Amino acid sequence: MSKEIDVFTTLLARKNKLQQALVLQWAKVTSVDWENKTCDAKGIDDDLEFFDVLIGVGSFDVKPKVGSLIIIGIINNDETTPVLLSAEEVDKIEIKAGNCELTIDQGFLFKKENETLKKLMVDLLQEIQKMKFTTNTGSTINLVNQPQFQLLENRFKSFLK
């Protein structure tokens, strides 16, 4: 008798789900296909498999970490078109707007057309390090704190991509 009750409860829950326009589901990421902007996941409550969960459409893409918890939105109760709404942990985030791009993963990439913030900062710091100064007596001296600028350049190189 308890098996029939479990089946009835499951069917009743599914019927109630069908009457909702948007269903939210907790799941755990099992794999990620970054190239196709999808992931696969398994429901926390019911072990239901979700395939090809959309993780982005181009302007804001989130690569969830495999094994992390995510919230999936199921629109019009169509479980064949789940969409990632939020993730507990991410490996990468990409934001694109016009000709600008921001990528966050092991560092930060700020890009506009063919120019990156890292390249701009490195070029600026290298030019500062080349500076020479003429004194009142006419002699030329090099930048005194050049090693500090070199350290600063290295910090920018490791921080930015």
C-alpha atoms as a PDB file:
ATOM      1  CA  MET A   1       0.000   0.000   0.000  1.00  0.00           C
ATOM      2  CA  SER A   2       2.830   2.441   0.781  1.00  0.00           C
ATOM      3  CA  LYS A   3       4.249   2.011  -2.739  1.00  0.00           C
ATOM      4  CA  GLU A   4       0.907   3.100  -4.195  1.00  0.00           C
ATOM      5  CA  ILE A   5       0.876   6.117  -1.882  1.00  0.00           C
ATOM      6  CA  ASP A   6       4.404   7.059  -2.995  1.00  0.00           C
ATOM      7  CA  VAL A   7       3.381   6.775  -6.652  1.00  0.00           C
ATOM      8  CA  PHE A   8       0.243   8.831  -5.984  1.00  0.00           C
ATOM      9  CA  THR A   9       2.280  11.501  -4.168  1.00  0.00           C
ATOM     10  CA  THR A  10       4.769  11.663  -7.041  1.00  0.00           C
ATOM     11  CA  LEU A  11       1.992  11.945  -9.643  1.00  0.00           C
ATOM     12  CA  LEU A  12       0.215  14.611  -7.606  1.00  0.00           C
ATOM     13  CA  ALA A  13       3.448  16.597  -7.301  1.00  0.00           C
ATOM     14  CA  ARG A  14       3.977  16.376 -11.075  1.00  0.00           C
ATOM     15  CA  LYS A  15       0.391  17.527 -11.708  1.00  0.00           C
ATOM     16  CA  ASN A  16       0.892  20.517  -9.421  1.00  0.00           C
ATOM     17  CA  LYS A  17       4.162  21.306 -11.186  1.00  0.00           C
ATOM     18  CA  LEU A  18       2.383  21.371 -14.549  1.00  0.00           C
ATOM     19  CA  GLN A  19       0.043  24.094 -13.299  1.00  0.00           C
ATOM     20  CA  GLN A  20       2.924  26.467 -12.574  1.00  0.00           C
ATOM     21  CA  ALA A  21       4.357  28.797 -15.248  1.00  0.00           C
ATOM     22  CA  LEU A  22       7.902  28.707 -13.859  1.00  0.00           C
ATOM     23  CA  VAL A  23       9.324  25.872 -11.819  1.00  0.00           C
ATOM     24  CA  LEU A  24      12.539  26.249  -9.849  1.00  0.00           C
ATOM     25  CA  GLN A  25      14.618  23.165  -9.190  1.00  0.00           C
ATOM     26  CA  TRP A  26      17.734  22.603  -7.082  1.00  0.00           C
ATOM     27  CA  ALA A  27      20.257  20.405  -8.867  1.00  0.00           C
ATOM     28  CA  LYS A  28      23.907  19.392  -8.794  1.00  0.00           C
ATOM     29  CA  VAL A  29      26.092  19.931 -11.887  1.00  0.00           C
ATOM     30  CA  THR A  30      27.363  16.653 -13.373  1.00  0.00           C
ATOM     31  CA  SER A  31      29.110  18.026 -16.492  1.00  0.00           C
ATOM     32  CA  VAL A  32      29.684  21.269 -18.407  1.00  0.00           C
ATOM     33  CA  ASP A  33      29.964  21.844 -22.166  1.00  0.00           C
ATOM     34  CA  TRP A  34      31.336  25.400 -22.273  1.00  0.00           C
ATOM     35  CA  GLU A  35      31.581  25.507 -26.063  1.00  0.00           C
ATOM     36  CA  ASN A  36      27.838  24.851 -26.448  1.00  0.00           C
ATOM     37  CA  LYS A  37      26.984  26.847 -23.293  1.00  0.00           C
ATOM     38  CA  THR A  38      25.155  23.956 -21.625  1.00  0.00           C
ATOM     39  CA  CYS A  39      25.539  21.733 -18.589  1.00  0.00           C
ATOM     40  CA  ASP A  40      23.980  18.534 -17.291  1.00  0.00           C
ATOM     41  CA  ALA A  41      22.675  18.254 -13.749  1.00  0.00           C
ATOM     42  CA  LYS A  42      20.836  15.928 -11.393  1.00  0.00           C
ATOM     43  CA  GLY A  43      17.903  17.048  -9.241  1.00  0.00           C
ATOM     44  CA  ILE A  44      18.612  17.177  -5.508  1.00  0.00           C
ATOM     45  CA  ASP A  45      15.130  16.099  -4.374  1.00  0.00           C
ATOM     46  CA  ASP A  46      14.220  13.563  -7.033  1.00  0.00           C
ATOM     47  CA  ASP A  47      17.484  12.552  -8.820  1.00  0.00           C
ATOM     48  CA  LEU A  48      15.851  13.668 -12.077  1.00  0.00           C
ATOM     49  CA  GLU A  49      18.454  14.156 -14.836  1.00  0.00           C
ATOM     50  CA  PHE A  50      18.537  17.525 -16.608  1.00  0.00           C
ATOM     51  CA  PHE A  51      20.374  17.550 -19.930  1.00  0.00           C
ATOM     52  CA  ASP A  52      21.540  20.590 -21.901  1.00  0.00           C
ATOM     53  CA  VAL A  53      20.721  23.138 -19.220  1.00  0.00           C
ATOM     54  CA  LEU A  54      21.294  26.498 -20.920  1.00  0.00           C
ATOM     55  CA  ILE A  55      24.088  28.403 -19.110  1.00  0.00           C
ATOM     56  CA  GLY A  56      24.167  31.447 -21.382  1.00  0.00           C
ATOM     57  CA  VAL A  57      23.121  32.869 -24.710  1.00  0.00           C
ATOM     58  CA  GLY A  58      26.048  35.180 -25.412  1.00  0.00           C
ATOM     59  CA  SER A  59      25.796  38.379 -23.400  1.00  0.00           C
ATOM     60  CA  PHE A  60      26.065  36.854 -19.904  1.00  0.00           C
ATOM     61  CA  ASP A  61      27.443  33.308 -19.670  1.00  0.00           C
ATOM     62  CA  VAL A  62      28.172  31.452 -16.425  1.00  0.00           C
ATOM     63  CA  LYS A  63      30.235  28.251 -16.291  1.00  0.00           C
ATOM     64  CA  PRO A  64      29.168  26.447 -13.100  1.00  0.00           C
ATOM     65  CA  LYS A  65      31.697  24.262 -11.315  1.00  0.00           C
ATOM     66  CA  VAL A  66      31.066  20.523 -11.687  1.00  0.00           C
ATOM     67  CA  GLY A  67      29.628  19.224  -8.414  1.00  0.00           C
ATOM     68  CA  SER A  68      28.207  22.594  -7.337  1.00  0.00           C
ATOM     69  CA  LEU A  69      24.579  23.274  -6.512  1.00  0.00           C
ATOM     70  CA  ILE A  70      22.573  25.266  -9.042  1.00  0.00           C
ATOM     71  CA  ILE A  71      19.060  26.603  -9.364  1.00  0.00           C
ATOM     72  CA  ILE A  72      17.409  25.670 -12.644  1.00  0.00           C
ATOM     73  CA  GLY A  73      14.388  27.442 -14.074  1.00  0.00           C
ATOM     74  CA  ILE A  74      11.963  25.331 -16.065  1.00  0.00           C
ATOM     75  CA  ILE A  75       9.747  27.547 -18.209  1.00  0.00           C
ATOM     76  CA  ASN A  76       6.153  26.464 -18.880  1.00  0.00           C
ATOM     77  CA  ASN A  77       6.965  23.168 -17.154  1.00  0.00           C
ATOM     78  CA  ASP A  78       8.867  21.994 -20.210  1.00  0.00           C
ATOM     79  CA  GLU A  79      11.713  20.002 -18.670  1.00  0.00           C
ATOM     80  CA  THR A  80      13.440  19.848 -22.063  1.00  0.00           C
ATOM     81  CA  THR A  81      14.391  23.556 -21.862  1.00  0.00           C
ATOM     82  CA  PRO A  82      15.918  24.156 -18.421  1.00  0.00           C
ATOM     83  CA  VAL A  83      17.857  27.380 -17.816  1.00  0.00           C
ATOM     84  CA  LEU A  84      20.556  28.093 -15.220  1.00  0.00           C
ATOM     85  CA  LEU A  85      19.441  30.860 -12.865  1.00  0.00           C
ATOM     86  CA  SER A  86      22.154  30.764 -10.215  1.00  0.00           C
ATOM     87  CA  ALA A  87      25.162  28.702  -9.175  1.00  0.00           C
ATOM     88  CA  GLU A  88      26.830  28.024  -5.847  1.00  0.00           C
ATOM     89  CA  GLU A  89      30.319  28.039  -7.435  1.00  0.00           C
ATOM     90  CA  VAL A  90      31.515  29.070 -10.883  1.00  0.00           C
ATOM     91  CA  ASP A  91      34.666  28.439 -12.908  1.00  0.00           C
ATOM     92  CA  LYS A  92      34.112  31.286 -15.345  1.00  0.00           C
ATOM     93  CA  ILE A  93      31.880  34.264 -16.104  1.00  0.00           C
ATOM     94  CA  GLU A  94      31.771  36.084 -19.435  1.00  0.00           C
ATOM     95  CA  ILE A  95      29.936  39.343 -20.052  1.00  0.00           C
ATOM     96  CA  LYS A  96      29.754  40.889 -23.518  1.00  0.00           C
ATOM     97  CA  ALA A  97      28.224  44.226 -24.442  1.00  0.00           C
ATOM     98  CA  GLY A  98      28.826  45.649 -27.887  1.00  0.00           C
ATOM     99  CA  ASN A  99      32.572  45.547 -28.535  1.00  0.00           C
ATOM    100  CA  CYS A 100      33.444  45.233 -24.819  1.00  0.00           C
ATOM    101  CA  GLU A 101      34.121  42.017 -22.917  1.00  0.00           C
ATOM    102  CA  LEU A 102      34.716  41.068 -19.282  1.00  0.00           C
ATOM    103  CA  THR A 103      35.930  37.566 -18.427  1.00  0.00           C
ATOM    104  CA  ILE A 104      36.473  36.363 -14.868  1.00  0.00           C
ATOM    105  CA  ASP A 105      38.161  33.027 -14.174  1.00  0.00           C
ATOM    106  CA  GLN A 106      41.768  32.693 -12.975  1.00  0.00           C
ATOM    107  CA  GLY A 107      42.159  36.429 -13.532  1.00  0.00           C
ATOM    108  CA  PHE A 108      40.314  39.361 -15.036  1.00  0.00           C
ATOM    109  CA  LEU A 109      40.163  40.164 -18.740  1.00  0.00           C
ATOM    110  CA  PHE A 110      38.869  43.630 -19.593  1.00  0.00           C
ATOM    111  CA  LYS A 111      38.756  44.014 -23.354  1.00  0.00           C
ATOM    112  CA  LYS A 112      37.487  46.636 -25.790  1.00  0.00           C
ATOM    113  CA  GLU A 113      37.948  45.718 -29.434  1.00  0.00           C
ATOM    114  CA  ASN A 114      41.636  44.640 -29.646  1.00  0.00           C
ATOM    115  CA  GLU A 115      42.779  46.480 -26.509  1.00  0.00           C
ATOM    116  CA  THR A 116      43.025  44.911 -23.038  1.00  0.00           C
ATOM    117  CA  LEU A 117      43.464  46.608 -19.684  1.00  0.00           C
ATOM    118  CA  LYS A 118      46.498  44.413 -18.971  1.00  0.00           C
ATOM    119  CA  LYS A 119      48.284  45.520 -22.137  1.00  0.00           C
ATOM    120  CA  LEU A 120      47.495  49.169 -21.410  1.00  0.00           C
ATOM    121  CA  MET A 121      48.805  48.911 -17.828  1.00  0.00           C
ATOM    122  CA  VAL A 122      51.969  47.042 -18.861  1.00  0.00           C
ATOM    123  CA  ASP A 123      52.674  49.578 -21.627  1.00  0.00           C
ATOM    124  CA  LEU A 124      52.144  52.482 -19.212  1.00  0.00           C
ATOM    125  CA  LEU A 125      54.417  51.017 -16.542  1.00  0.00           C
ATOM    126  CA  GLN A 126      57.130  50.164 -19.066  1.00  0.00           C
ATOM    127  CA  GLU A 127      57.108  53.729 -20.403  1.00  0.00           C
ATOM    128  CA  ILE A 128      57.306  55.124 -16.865  1.00  0.00           C
ATOM    129  CA  GLN A 129      60.341  52.916 -16.202  1.00  0.00           C
ATOM    130  CA  LYS A 130      62.095  54.362 -19.270  1.00  0.00           C
ATOM    131  CA  MET A 131      61.768  57.920 -17.968  1.00  0.00           C
ATOM    132  CA  LYS A 132      64.916  60.030 -17.539  1.00  0.00           C
ATOM    133  CA  PHE A 133      65.084  63.391 -15.847  1.00  0.00           C
ATOM    134  CA  THR A 134      67.307  66.388 -16.562  1.00  0.00           C
ATOM    135  CA  THR A 135      68.621  68.197 -13.490  1.00  0.00           C
ATOM    136  CA  ASN A 136      69.533  71.903 -13.056  1.00  0.00           C
ATOM    137  CA  THR A 137      73.139  71.098 -13.887  1.00  0.00           C
ATOM    138  CA  GLY A 138      72.130  69.530 -17.174  1.00  0.00           C
ATOM    139  CA  SER A 139      72.920  65.942 -16.230  1.00  0.00           C
ATOM    140  CA  THR A 140      70.330  63.237 -16.854  1.00  0.00           C
ATOM    141  CA  ILE A 141      69.322  60.751 -14.162  1.00  0.00           C
ATOM    142  CA  ASN A 142      67.262  57.584 -14.397  1.00  0.00           C
ATOM    143  CA  LEU A 143      64.064  56.874 -12.533  1.00  0.00           C
ATOM    144  CA  VAL A 144      65.047  56.277  -8.911  1.00  0.00           C
ATOM    145  CA  ASN A 145      62.198  53.935  -7.970  1.00  0.00           C
ATOM    146  CA  GLN A 146      62.326  51.807 -11.125  1.00  0.00           C
ATOM    147  CA  PRO A 147      62.367  48.506  -9.132  1.00  0.00           C
ATOM    148  CA  GLN A 148      59.061  49.430  -7.460  1.00  0.00           C
ATOM    149  CA  PHE A 149      57.505  50.058 -10.875  1.00  0.00           C
ATOM    150  CA  GLN A 150      58.805  46.676 -12.041  1.00  0.00           C
ATOM    151  CA  LEU A 151      57.137  45.009  -9.035  1.00  0.00           C
ATOM    152  CA  LEU A 152      53.928  46.877  -9.783  1.00  0.00           C
ATOM    153  CA  GLU A 153      54.061  45.746 -13.414  1.00  0.00           C
ATOM    154  CA  ASN A 154      54.486  42.112 -12.315  1.00  0.00           C
ATOM    155  CA  ARG A 155      51.507  42.428  -9.962  1.00  0.00           C
ATOM    156  CA  PHE A 156      49.319  43.735 -12.795  1.00  0.00           C
ATOM    157  CA  LYS A 157      50.499  40.935 -15.072  1.00  0.00           C
ATOM    158  CA  SER A 158      49.445  38.279 -12.561  1.00  0.00           C
ATOM    159  CA  PHE A 159      46.160  40.011 -11.668  1.00  0.00           C
ATOM    160  CA  LEU A 160      44.940  40.774 -15.188  1.00  0.00           C
ATOM    161  CA  LYS A 161      44.767  38.560 -18.242  1.00  0.00           C
END
